[in-house]
Each structure stands twice: as structure tokens, then as C-alpha cells.
Amino acid sequence: MKLLNTMISTAVLSSLALGAVPLVASAAPELTIQSERAAHPRLDKAVHDMQDALKELQAAPDDFGGNKGNAIRDTQAAIHSLKKALYYRLKMDDAAIDKVQ
């Protein structure tokens, strides 16, 4: 009887231990600029929309009541900040973030 109890206890403990260990190891997905864009398509679109607006603002002959320079600077800063948020998991420095098209 004691032998049977020991065998049952061993079987139960073995089952519990196996349940705690995954049978198939899964690798974390590789993070890339493309994967981050795919994960956050609206943020990616916002970056492109702001870049288009910046080009239009820079090309405009009007100075918008003296506000053009500040608007350009603020839009550039907003683009950088949004890209920094979008790509934060890639641990890119500011120069690398600014190079991403």
C-alpha cells in the first residue's frame, strides 16, 4: 500500500511539474520598423500625414501671419515625438529615428 501511495504521489507531482513547463519553446517575434508600423497603423499614417503637411507648409509662399517658422518647428518636433513613441521598443537614438522615412 505504501508503495502504491508513493507511486501515485510521484505521478501527481510529475504531472504538475510537466504542466508548469511549456512543451514547445516559442521565440519572441522580431521587432522591426515594419512590425511596429503594422502594429500601429494609425500612428504610422499620422506620421505620414504630418510629413505631407510639413512639406506643404514649407513650400507655401505665405508666412501665415508670421507663424510659419513656429509651425514648421513644432510640426518637426511632433513628427519626431510620434516616431519616438512608435519605435520605442526598437531602442533607437534620435538620429536613427529622424532617418526613418
PDB file of N, CA and C in Angstrom:
ATOM      1  N   MET A   1       0.820  -1.185   0.000  1.00  0.00           N
ATOM      2  CA  MET A   1       0.000   0.000   0.000  1.00  0.00           C
ATOM      3  C   MET A   1       0.866   1.250   0.000  1.00  0.00           C
ATOM      4  N   LYS A   2       1.931   1.213   0.818  1.00  0.00           N
ATOM      5  CA  LYS A   2       2.830   2.351   0.882  1.00  0.00           C
ATOM      6  C   LYS A   2       3.482   2.588  -0.482  1.00  0.00           C
ATOM      7  N   LEU A   3       3.844   1.520  -1.149  1.00  0.00           N
ATOM      8  CA  LEU A   3       4.439   1.623  -2.480  1.00  0.00           C
ATOM      9  C   LEU A   3       3.455   2.246  -3.469  1.00  0.00           C
ATOM     10  N   LEU A   4       2.193   1.859  -3.397  1.00  0.00           N
ATOM     11  CA  LEU A   4       1.167   2.414  -4.272  1.00  0.00           C
ATOM     12  C   LEU A   4       0.985   3.904  -4.014  1.00  0.00           C
ATOM     13  N   ASN A   5       0.943   4.325  -2.768  1.00  0.00           N
ATOM     14  CA  ASN A   5       0.824   5.745  -2.428  1.00  0.00           C
ATOM     15  C   ASN A   5       2.020   6.543  -2.948  1.00  0.00           C
ATOM     16  N   THR A   6       3.198   5.990  -2.827  1.00  0.00           N
ATOM     17  CA  THR A   6       4.405   6.653  -3.322  1.00  0.00           C
ATOM     18  C   THR A   6       4.349   6.803  -4.842  1.00  0.00           C
ATOM     19  N   MET A   7       3.895   5.760  -5.523  1.00  0.00           N
ATOM     20  CA  MET A   7       3.803   5.815  -6.985  1.00  0.00           C
ATOM     21  C   MET A   7       2.768   6.858  -7.425  1.00  0.00           C
ATOM     22  N   ILE A   8       1.639   6.913  -6.718  1.00  0.00           N
ATOM     23  CA  ILE A   8       0.599   7.891  -7.052  1.00  0.00           C
ATOM     24  C   ILE A   8       1.115   9.305  -6.803  1.00  0.00           C
ATOM     25  N   SER A   9       1.766   9.520  -5.687  1.00  0.00           N
ATOM     26  CA  SER A   9       2.319  10.836  -5.360  1.00  0.00           C
ATOM     27  C   SER A   9       3.342  11.268  -6.402  1.00  0.00           C
ATOM     28  N   THR A  10       4.184  10.349  -6.804  1.00  0.00           N
ATOM     29  CA  THR A  10       5.191  10.648  -7.821  1.00  0.00           C
ATOM     30  C   THR A  10       4.534  11.003  -9.143  1.00  0.00           C
ATOM     31  N   ALA A  11       3.505  10.279  -9.513  1.00  0.00           N
ATOM     32  CA  ALA A  11       2.795  10.547 -10.769  1.00  0.00           C
ATOM     33  C   ALA A  11       2.126  11.916 -10.732  1.00  0.00           C
ATOM     34  N   VAL A  12       1.501  12.255  -9.606  1.00  0.00           N
ATOM     35  CA  VAL A  12       0.822  13.557  -9.462  1.00  0.00           C
ATOM     36  C   VAL A  12       1.847  14.684  -9.533  1.00  0.00           C
ATOM     37  N   LEU A  13       2.937  14.544  -8.813  1.00  0.00           N
ATOM     38  CA  LEU A  13       3.968  15.586  -8.817  1.00  0.00           C
ATOM     39  C   LEU A  13       4.590  15.742 -10.207  1.00  0.00           C
ATOM     40  N   SER A  14       4.801  14.635 -10.885  1.00  0.00           N
ATOM     41  CA  SER A  14       5.356  14.692 -12.243  1.00  0.00           C
ATOM     42  C   SER A  14       4.399  15.411 -13.184  1.00  0.00           C
ATOM     43  N   SER A  15       3.109  15.153 -13.054  1.00  0.00           N
ATOM     44  CA  SER A  15       2.116  15.809 -13.901  1.00  0.00           C
ATOM     45  C   SER A  15       2.109  17.308 -13.663  1.00  0.00           C
ATOM     46  N   LEU A  16       2.166  17.676 -12.398  1.00  0.00           N
ATOM     47  CA  LEU A  16       2.171  19.107 -12.075  1.00  0.00           C
ATOM     48  C   LEU A  16       3.423  19.788 -12.618  1.00  0.00           C
ATOM     49  N   ALA A  17       4.544  19.138 -12.476  1.00  0.00           N
ATOM     50  CA  ALA A  17       5.795  19.718 -12.965  1.00  0.00           C
ATOM     51  C   ALA A  17       5.774  19.870 -14.475  1.00  0.00           C
ATOM     52  N   LEU A  18       5.269  18.883 -15.175  1.00  0.00           N
ATOM     53  CA  LEU A  18       5.186  18.977 -16.636  1.00  0.00           C
ATOM     54  C   LEU A  18       4.228  20.060 -17.076  1.00  0.00           C
ATOM     55  N   GLY A  19       3.173  20.272 -16.311  1.00  0.00           N
ATOM     56  CA  GLY A  19       2.212  21.314 -16.652  1.00  0.00           C
ATOM     57  C   GLY A  19       2.795  22.703 -16.523  1.00  0.00           C
ATOM     58  N   ALA A  20       3.799  22.870 -15.693  1.00  0.00           N
ATOM     59  CA  ALA A  20       4.390  24.183 -15.480  1.00  0.00           C
ATOM     60  C   ALA A  20       5.437  24.536 -16.535  1.00  0.00           C
ATOM     61  N   VAL A  21       5.905  23.548 -17.270  1.00  0.00           N
ATOM     62  CA  VAL A  21       6.943  23.776 -18.270  1.00  0.00           C
ATOM     63  C   VAL A  21       6.317  23.694 -19.656  1.00  0.00           C
ATOM     64  N   PRO A  22       6.485  24.737 -20.466  1.00  0.00           N
ATOM     65  CA  PRO A  22       5.916  24.645 -21.816  1.00  0.00           C
ATOM     66  C   PRO A  22       6.611  23.551 -22.616  1.00  0.00           C
ATOM     67  N   LEU A  23       5.829  22.819 -23.371  1.00  0.00           N
ATOM     68  CA  LEU A  23       6.382  21.733 -24.157  1.00  0.00           C
ATOM     69  C   LEU A  23       7.070  22.231 -25.417  1.00  0.00           C
ATOM     70  N   VAL A  24       6.614  23.394 -25.934  1.00  0.00           N
ATOM     71  CA  VAL A  24       7.207  23.966 -27.133  1.00  0.00           C
ATOM     72  C   VAL A  24       7.705  25.361 -26.797  1.00  0.00           C
ATOM     73  N   ALA A  25       8.962  25.592 -26.987  1.00  0.00           N
ATOM     74  CA  ALA A  25       9.509  26.918 -26.737  1.00  0.00           C
ATOM     75  C   ALA A  25       9.130  27.833 -27.893  1.00  0.00           C
ATOM     76  N   SER A  26       8.673  29.031 -27.569  1.00  0.00           N
ATOM     77  CA  SER A  26       8.322  29.969 -28.631  1.00  0.00           C
ATOM     78  C   SER A  26       9.219  31.186 -28.526  1.00  0.00           C
ATOM     79  N   ALA A  27       9.784  31.567 -29.633  1.00  0.00           N
ATOM     80  CA  ALA A  27      10.669  32.729 -29.670  1.00  0.00           C
ATOM     81  C   ALA A  27       9.826  33.994 -29.754  1.00  0.00           C
ATOM     82  N   ALA A  28      10.317  35.055 -29.147  1.00  0.00           N
ATOM     83  CA  ALA A  28       9.636  36.343 -29.230  1.00  0.00           C
ATOM     84  C   ALA A  28       9.726  36.842 -30.669  1.00  0.00           C
ATOM     85  N   PRO A  29       8.672  37.470 -31.159  1.00  0.00           N
ATOM     86  CA  PRO A  29       8.729  37.963 -32.530  1.00  0.00           C
ATOM     87  C   PRO A  29       9.804  39.049 -32.665  1.00  0.00           C
ATOM     88  N   GLU A  30      10.439  39.065 -33.810  1.00  0.00           N
ATOM     89  CA  GLU A  30      11.485  40.060 -34.052  1.00  0.00           C
ATOM     90  C   GLU A  30      10.838  41.430 -34.252  1.00  0.00           C
ATOM     91  N   LEU A  31      11.346  42.412 -33.547  1.00  0.00           N
ATOM     92  CA  LEU A  31      10.828  43.767 -33.669  1.00  0.00           C
ATOM     93  C   LEU A  31      11.569  44.496 -34.781  1.00  0.00           C
ATOM     94  N   THR A  32      10.815  45.064 -35.695  1.00  0.00           N
ATOM     95  CA  THR A  32      11.378  45.837 -36.792  1.00  0.00           C
ATOM     96  C   THR A  32      10.534  47.088 -36.981  1.00  0.00           C
ATOM     97  N   ILE A  33      11.039  48.005 -37.777  1.00  0.00           N
ATOM     98  CA  ILE A  33      10.263  49.193 -38.109  1.00  0.00           C
ATOM     99  C   ILE A  33       8.947  48.770 -38.740  1.00  0.00           C
ATOM    100  N   GLN A  34       9.000  47.798 -39.634  1.00  0.00           N
ATOM    101  CA  GLN A  34       7.795  47.332 -40.314  1.00  0.00           C
ATOM    102  C   GLN A  34       6.803  46.694 -39.342  1.00  0.00           C
ATOM    103  N   SER A  35       7.303  45.924 -38.388  1.00  0.00           N
ATOM    104  CA  SER A  35       6.391  45.285 -37.438  1.00  0.00           C
ATOM    105  C   SER A  35       5.739  46.309 -36.519  1.00  0.00           C
ATOM    106  N   GLU A  36       6.474  47.344 -36.158  1.00  0.00           N
ATOM    107  CA  GLU A  36       5.899  48.396 -35.313  1.00  0.00           C
ATOM    108  C   GLU A  36       4.855  49.196 -36.094  1.00  0.00           C
ATOM    109  N   ARG A  37       5.139  49.465 -37.363  1.00  0.00           N
ATOM    110  CA  ARG A  37       4.149  50.156 -38.206  1.00  0.00           C
ATOM    111  C   ARG A  37       2.889  49.313 -38.353  1.00  0.00           C
ATOM    112  N   ALA A  38       3.064  48.031 -38.558  1.00  0.00           N
ATOM    113  CA  ALA A  38       1.912  47.137 -38.718  1.00  0.00           C
ATOM    114  C   ALA A  38       1.096  47.044 -37.432  1.00  0.00           C
ATOM    115  N   ALA A  39       1.769  47.120 -36.306  1.00  0.00           N
ATOM    116  CA  ALA A  39       1.082  47.035 -35.016  1.00  0.00           C
ATOM    117  C   ALA A  39       0.293  48.310 -34.708  1.00  0.00           C
ATOM    118  N   HIS A  40       0.712  49.434 -35.297  1.00  0.00           N
ATOM    119  CA  HIS A  40       0.083  50.732 -35.002  1.00  0.00           C
ATOM    120  C   HIS A  40      -0.138  51.518 -36.301  1.00  0.00           C
ATOM    121  N   PRO A  41      -1.016  51.033 -37.168  1.00  0.00           N
ATOM    122  CA  PRO A  41      -1.176  51.661 -38.481  1.00  0.00           C
ATOM    123  C   PRO A  41      -1.672  53.107 -38.427  1.00  0.00           C
ATOM    124  N   ARG A  42      -2.476  53.453 -37.447  1.00  0.00           N
ATOM    125  CA  ARG A  42      -2.979  54.835 -37.374  1.00  0.00           C
ATOM    126  C   ARG A  42      -1.862  55.800 -36.983  1.00  0.00           C
ATOM    127  N   LEU A  43      -0.964  55.364 -36.125  1.00  0.00           N
ATOM    128  CA  LEU A  43       0.175  56.215 -35.769  1.00  0.00           C
ATOM    129  C   LEU A  43       1.095  56.387 -36.970  1.00  0.00           C
ATOM    130  N   ASP A  44       1.312  55.307 -37.702  1.00  0.00           N
ATOM    131  CA  ASP A  44       2.139  55.379 -38.906  1.00  0.00           C
ATOM    132  C   ASP A  44       1.519  56.340 -39.921  1.00  0.00           C
ATOM    133  N   LYS A  45       0.204  56.261 -40.102  1.00  0.00           N
ATOM    134  CA  LYS A  45      -0.486  57.163 -41.030  1.00  0.00           C
ATOM    135  C   LYS A  45      -0.369  58.612 -40.553  1.00  0.00           C
ATOM    136  N   ALA A  46      -0.472  58.823 -39.256  1.00  0.00           N
ATOM    137  CA  ALA A  46      -0.352  60.176 -38.710  1.00  0.00           C
ATOM    138  C   ALA A  46       1.024  60.770 -39.007  1.00  0.00           C
ATOM    139  N   VAL A  47       2.063  59.968 -38.881  1.00  0.00           N
ATOM    140  CA  VAL A  47       3.420  60.444 -39.203  1.00  0.00           C
ATOM    141  C   VAL A  47       3.479  60.881 -40.665  1.00  0.00           C
ATOM    142  N   HIS A  48       2.961  60.050 -41.562  1.00  0.00           N
ATOM    143  CA  HIS A  48       2.994  60.384 -42.988  1.00  0.00           C
ATOM    144  C   HIS A  48       2.139  61.613 -43.302  1.00  0.00           C
ATOM    145  N   ASP A  49       0.989  61.730 -42.664  1.00  0.00           N
ATOM    146  CA  ASP A  49       0.134  62.907 -42.872  1.00  0.00           C
ATOM    147  C   ASP A  49       0.835  64.184 -42.398  1.00  0.00           C
ATOM    148  N   MET A  50       1.511  64.103 -41.248  1.00  0.00           N
ATOM    149  CA  MET A  50       2.230  65.283 -40.744  1.00  0.00           C
ATOM    150  C   MET A  50       3.418  65.626 -41.647  1.00  0.00           C
ATOM    151  N   GLN A  51       4.089  64.609 -42.183  1.00  0.00           N
ATOM    152  CA  GLN A  51       5.195  64.875 -43.115  1.00  0.00           C
ATOM    153  C   GLN A  51       4.687  65.571 -44.373  1.00  0.00           C
ATOM    154  N   ASP A  52       3.529  65.140 -44.872  1.00  0.00           N
ATOM    155  CA  ASP A  52       2.930  65.794 -46.042  1.00  0.00           C
ATOM    156  C   ASP A  52       2.547  67.234 -45.724  1.00  0.00           C
ATOM    157  N   ALA A  53       1.964  67.451 -44.557  1.00  0.00           N
ATOM    158  CA  ALA A  53       1.582  68.804 -44.142  1.00  0.00           C
ATOM    159  C   ALA A  53       2.819  69.684 -43.986  1.00  0.00           C
ATOM    160  N   LEU A  54       3.889  69.133 -43.463  1.00  0.00           N
ATOM    161  CA  LEU A  54       5.135  69.885 -43.293  1.00  0.00           C
ATOM    162  C   LEU A  54       5.685  70.323 -44.652  1.00  0.00           C
ATOM    163  N   LYS A  55       5.682  69.431 -45.623  1.00  0.00           N
ATOM    164  CA  LYS A  55       6.160  69.776 -46.971  1.00  0.00           C
ATOM    165  C   LYS A  55       5.321  70.905 -47.568  1.00  0.00           C
ATOM    166  N   GLU A  56       4.015  70.813 -47.406  1.00  0.00           N
ATOM    167  CA  GLU A  56       3.125  71.849 -47.926  1.00  0.00           C
ATOM    168  C   GLU A  56       3.381  73.177 -47.219  1.00  0.00           C
ATOM    169  N   LEU A  57       3.553  73.133 -45.927  1.00  0.00           N
ATOM    170  CA  LEU A  57       3.836  74.334 -45.139  1.00  0.00           C
ATOM    171  C   LEU A  57       5.157  74.965 -45.567  1.00  0.00           C
ATOM    172  N   GLN A  58       6.184  74.158 -45.740  1.00  0.00           N
ATOM    173  CA  GLN A  58       7.498  74.672 -46.142  1.00  0.00           C
ATOM    174  C   GLN A  58       7.461  75.288 -47.532  1.00  0.00           C
ATOM    175  N   ALA A  59       6.654  74.723 -48.419  1.00  0.00           N
ATOM    176  CA  ALA A  59       6.589  75.196 -49.800  1.00  0.00           C
ATOM    177  C   ALA A  59       5.656  76.397 -49.973  1.00  0.00           C
ATOM    178  N   ALA A  60       4.848  76.669 -48.995  1.00  0.00           N
ATOM    179  CA  ALA A  60       3.867  77.754 -49.116  1.00  0.00           C
ATOM    180  C   ALA A  60       4.564  79.110 -49.187  1.00  0.00           C
ATOM    181  N   PRO A  61       4.111  79.987 -50.102  1.00  0.00           N
ATOM    182  CA  PRO A  61       4.715  81.308 -50.202  1.00  0.00           C
ATOM    183  C   PRO A  61       4.288  82.229 -49.051  1.00  0.00           C
ATOM    184  N   ASP A  62       3.192  81.924 -48.423  1.00  0.00           N
ATOM    185  CA  ASP A  62       2.674  82.739 -47.323  1.00  0.00           C
ATOM    186  C   ASP A  62       3.443  82.441 -46.043  1.00  0.00           C
ATOM    187  N   ASP A  63       3.582  83.452 -45.181  1.00  0.00           N
ATOM    188  CA  ASP A  63       4.228  83.200 -43.886  1.00  0.00           C
ATOM    189  C   ASP A  63       3.192  83.006 -42.774  1.00  0.00           C
ATOM    190  N   PHE A  64       1.924  82.938 -43.178  1.00  0.00           N
ATOM    191  CA  PHE A  64       0.828  82.647 -42.256  1.00  0.00           C
ATOM    192  C   PHE A  64       0.830  83.586 -41.050  1.00  0.00           C
ATOM    193  N   GLY A  65       0.908  84.875 -41.355  1.00  0.00           N
ATOM    194  CA  GLY A  65       0.854  85.894 -40.294  1.00  0.00           C
ATOM    195  C   GLY A  65       2.039  85.820 -39.345  1.00  0.00           C
ATOM    196  N   GLY A  66       3.175  85.398 -39.863  1.00  0.00           N
ATOM    197  CA  GLY A  66       4.378  85.299 -39.028  1.00  0.00           C
ATOM    198  C   GLY A  66       4.465  84.001 -38.237  1.00  0.00           C
ATOM    199  N   ASN A  67       3.568  83.086 -38.490  1.00  0.00           N
ATOM    200  CA  ASN A  67       3.522  81.820 -37.731  1.00  0.00           C
ATOM    201  C   ASN A  67       4.186  80.654 -38.435  1.00  0.00           C
ATOM    202  N   LYS A  68       4.650  80.855 -39.650  1.00  0.00           N
ATOM    203  CA  LYS A  68       5.175  79.747 -40.450  1.00  0.00           C
ATOM    204  C   LYS A  68       6.387  79.085 -39.788  1.00  0.00           C
ATOM    205  N   GLY A  69       7.327  79.870 -39.327  1.00  0.00           N
ATOM    206  CA  GLY A  69       8.539  79.310 -38.713  1.00  0.00           C
ATOM    207  C   GLY A  69       8.232  78.459 -37.491  1.00  0.00           C
ATOM    208  N   ASN A  70       7.370  78.974 -36.613  1.00  0.00           N
ATOM    209  CA  ASN A  70       6.995  78.207 -35.414  1.00  0.00           C
ATOM    210  C   ASN A  70       6.223  76.950 -35.790  1.00  0.00           C
ATOM    211  N   ALA A  71       5.348  77.063 -36.790  1.00  0.00           N
ATOM    212  CA  ALA A  71       4.557  75.906 -37.221  1.00  0.00           C
ATOM    213  C   ALA A  71       5.470  74.821 -37.789  1.00  0.00           C
ATOM    214  N   ILE A  72       6.468  75.220 -38.565  1.00  0.00           N
ATOM    215  CA  ILE A  72       7.428  74.252 -39.116  1.00  0.00           C
ATOM    216  C   ILE A  72       8.186  73.561 -37.989  1.00  0.00           C
ATOM    217  N   ARG A  73       8.709  74.347 -37.073  1.00  0.00           N
ATOM    218  CA  ARG A  73       9.480  73.790 -35.957  1.00  0.00           C
ATOM    219  C   ARG A  73       8.619  72.849 -35.110  1.00  0.00           C
ATOM    220  N   ASP A  74       7.399  73.279 -34.792  1.00  0.00           N
ATOM    221  CA  ASP A  74       6.521  72.460 -33.958  1.00  0.00           C
ATOM    222  C   ASP A  74       6.096  71.175 -34.667  1.00  0.00           C
ATOM    223  N   THR A  75       5.863  71.253 -35.962  1.00  0.00           N
ATOM    224  CA  THR A  75       5.480  70.063 -36.725  1.00  0.00           C
ATOM    225  C   THR A  75       6.646  69.080 -36.790  1.00  0.00           C
ATOM    226  N   GLN A  76       7.854  69.588 -36.998  1.00  0.00           N
ATOM    227  CA  GLN A  76       9.029  68.710 -36.996  1.00  0.00           C
ATOM    228  C   GLN A  76       9.187  68.022 -35.637  1.00  0.00           C
ATOM    229  N   ALA A  77       8.969  68.774 -34.560  1.00  0.00           N
ATOM    230  CA  ALA A  77       9.073  68.195 -33.211  1.00  0.00           C
ATOM    231  C   ALA A  77       7.979  67.160 -32.983  1.00  0.00           C
ATOM    232  N   ALA A  78       6.773  67.433 -33.473  1.00  0.00           N
ATOM    233  CA  ALA A  78       5.664  66.485 -33.312  1.00  0.00           C
ATOM    234  C   ALA A  78       5.928  65.192 -34.084  1.00  0.00           C
ATOM    235  N   ILE A  79       6.459  65.317 -35.280  1.00  0.00           N
ATOM    236  CA  ILE A  79       6.800  64.127 -36.076  1.00  0.00           C
ATOM    237  C   ILE A  79       7.837  63.291 -35.328  1.00  0.00           C
ATOM    238  N   HIS A  80       8.858  63.953 -34.822  1.00  0.00           N
ATOM    239  CA  HIS A  80       9.911  63.236 -34.089  1.00  0.00           C
ATOM    240  C   HIS A  80       9.329  62.541 -32.856  1.00  0.00           C
ATOM    241  N   SER A  81       8.497  63.245 -32.099  1.00  0.00           N
ATOM    242  CA  SER A  81       7.915  62.668 -30.883  1.00  0.00           C
ATOM    243  C   SER A  81       7.036  61.461 -31.198  1.00  0.00           C
ATOM    244  N   LEU A  82       6.251  61.553 -32.247  1.00  0.00           N
ATOM    245  CA  LEU A  82       5.371  60.441 -32.616  1.00  0.00           C
ATOM    246  C   LEU A  82       6.187  59.238 -33.082  1.00  0.00           C
ATOM    247  N   LYS A  83       7.252  59.489 -33.860  1.00  0.00           N
ATOM    248  CA  LYS A  83       8.113  58.390 -34.295  1.00  0.00           C
ATOM    249  C   LYS A  83       8.832  57.760 -33.095  1.00  0.00           C
ATOM    250  N   LYS A  84       9.226  58.594 -32.155  1.00  0.00           N
ATOM    251  CA  LYS A  84       9.902  58.094 -30.957  1.00  0.00           C
ATOM    252  C   LYS A  84       8.965  57.173 -30.168  1.00  0.00           C
ATOM    253  N   ALA A  85       7.700  57.550 -30.080  1.00  0.00           N
ATOM    254  CA  ALA A  85       6.709  56.702 -29.404  1.00  0.00           C
ATOM    255  C   ALA A  85       6.460  55.424 -30.194  1.00  0.00           C
ATOM    256  N   LEU A  86       6.319  55.550 -31.499  1.00  0.00           N
ATOM    257  CA  LEU A  86       6.019  54.405 -32.358  1.00  0.00           C
ATOM    258  C   LEU A  86       7.136  53.361 -32.325  1.00  0.00           C
ATOM    259  N   TYR A  87       8.366  53.806 -32.293  1.00  0.00           N
ATOM    260  CA  TYR A  87       9.513  52.896 -32.377  1.00  0.00           C
ATOM    261  C   TYR A  87      10.236  52.698 -31.044  1.00  0.00           C
ATOM    262  N   TYR A  88       9.592  53.021 -29.917  1.00  0.00           N
ATOM    263  CA  TYR A  88      10.293  52.989 -28.632  1.00  0.00           C
ATOM    264  C   TYR A  88      10.876  51.619 -28.315  1.00  0.00           C
ATOM    265  N   ARG A  89      10.206  50.543 -28.721  1.00  0.00           N
ATOM    266  CA  ARG A  89      10.706  49.195 -28.392  1.00  0.00           C
ATOM    267  C   ARG A  89      11.972  48.842 -29.176  1.00  0.00           C
ATOM    268  N   LEU A  90      12.259  49.592 -30.216  1.00  0.00           N
ATOM    269  CA  LEU A  90      13.457  49.334 -31.011  1.00  0.00           C
ATOM    270  C   LEU A  90      14.699  49.987 -30.404  1.00  0.00           C
ATOM    271  N   LYS A  91      14.484  50.818 -29.396  1.00  0.00           N
ATOM    272  CA  LYS A  91      15.580  51.486 -28.671  1.00  0.00           C
ATOM    273  C   LYS A  91      16.513  52.252 -29.616  1.00  0.00           C
ATOM    274  N   MET A  92      15.906  53.016 -30.515  1.00  0.00           N
ATOM    275  CA  MET A  92      16.671  53.802 -31.485  1.00  0.00           C
ATOM    276  C   MET A  92      17.050  55.147 -30.868  1.00  0.00           C
ATOM    277  N   ASP A  93      18.217  55.661 -31.253  1.00  0.00           N
ATOM    278  CA  ASP A  93      18.572  57.000 -30.800  1.00  0.00           C
ATOM    279  C   ASP A  93      17.878  58.036 -31.695  1.00  0.00           C
ATOM    280  N   ASP A  94      17.951  59.310 -31.292  1.00  0.00           N
ATOM    281  CA  ASP A  94      17.235  60.364 -32.014  1.00  0.00           C
ATOM    282  C   ASP A  94      17.646  60.474 -33.478  1.00  0.00           C
ATOM    283  N   ALA A  95      18.935  60.326 -33.752  1.00  0.00           N
ATOM    284  CA  ALA A  95      19.401  60.424 -35.151  1.00  0.00           C
ATOM    285  C   ALA A  95      18.805  59.310 -36.000  1.00  0.00           C
ATOM    286  N   ALA A  96      18.751  58.097 -35.463  1.00  0.00           N
ATOM    287  CA  ALA A  96      18.178  56.972 -36.205  1.00  0.00           C
ATOM    288  C   ALA A  96      16.679  57.173 -36.421  1.00  0.00           C
ATOM    289  N   ILE A  97      16.006  57.687 -35.420  1.00  0.00           N
ATOM    290  CA  ILE A  97      14.557  57.947 -35.533  1.00  0.00           C
ATOM    291  C   ILE A  97      14.299  58.966 -36.646  1.00  0.00           C
ATOM    292  N   ASP A  98      15.111  60.015 -36.697  1.00  0.00           N
ATOM    293  CA  ASP A  98      14.918  61.046 -37.716  1.00  0.00           C
ATOM    294  C   ASP A  98      15.186  60.546 -39.130  1.00  0.00           C
ATOM    295  N   LYS A  99      15.983  59.495 -39.274  1.00  0.00           N
ATOM    296  CA  LYS A  99      16.294  58.942 -40.594  1.00  0.00           C
ATOM    297  C   LYS A  99      15.176  58.067 -41.154  1.00  0.00           C
ATOM    298  N   VAL A 100      14.297  57.561 -40.274  1.00  0.00           N
ATOM    299  CA  VAL A 100      13.217  56.677 -40.716  1.00  0.00           C
ATOM    300  C   VAL A 100      12.241  57.472 -41.574  1.00  0.00           C
ATOM    301  N   GLN A 101      12.005  56.976 -42.794  1.00  0.00           N
ATOM    302  CA  GLN A 101      11.064  57.650 -43.689  1.00  0.00           C
ATOM    303  C   GLN A 101       9.734  57.079 -43.557  1.00  0.00           C
TER     304      GLN A 101
END
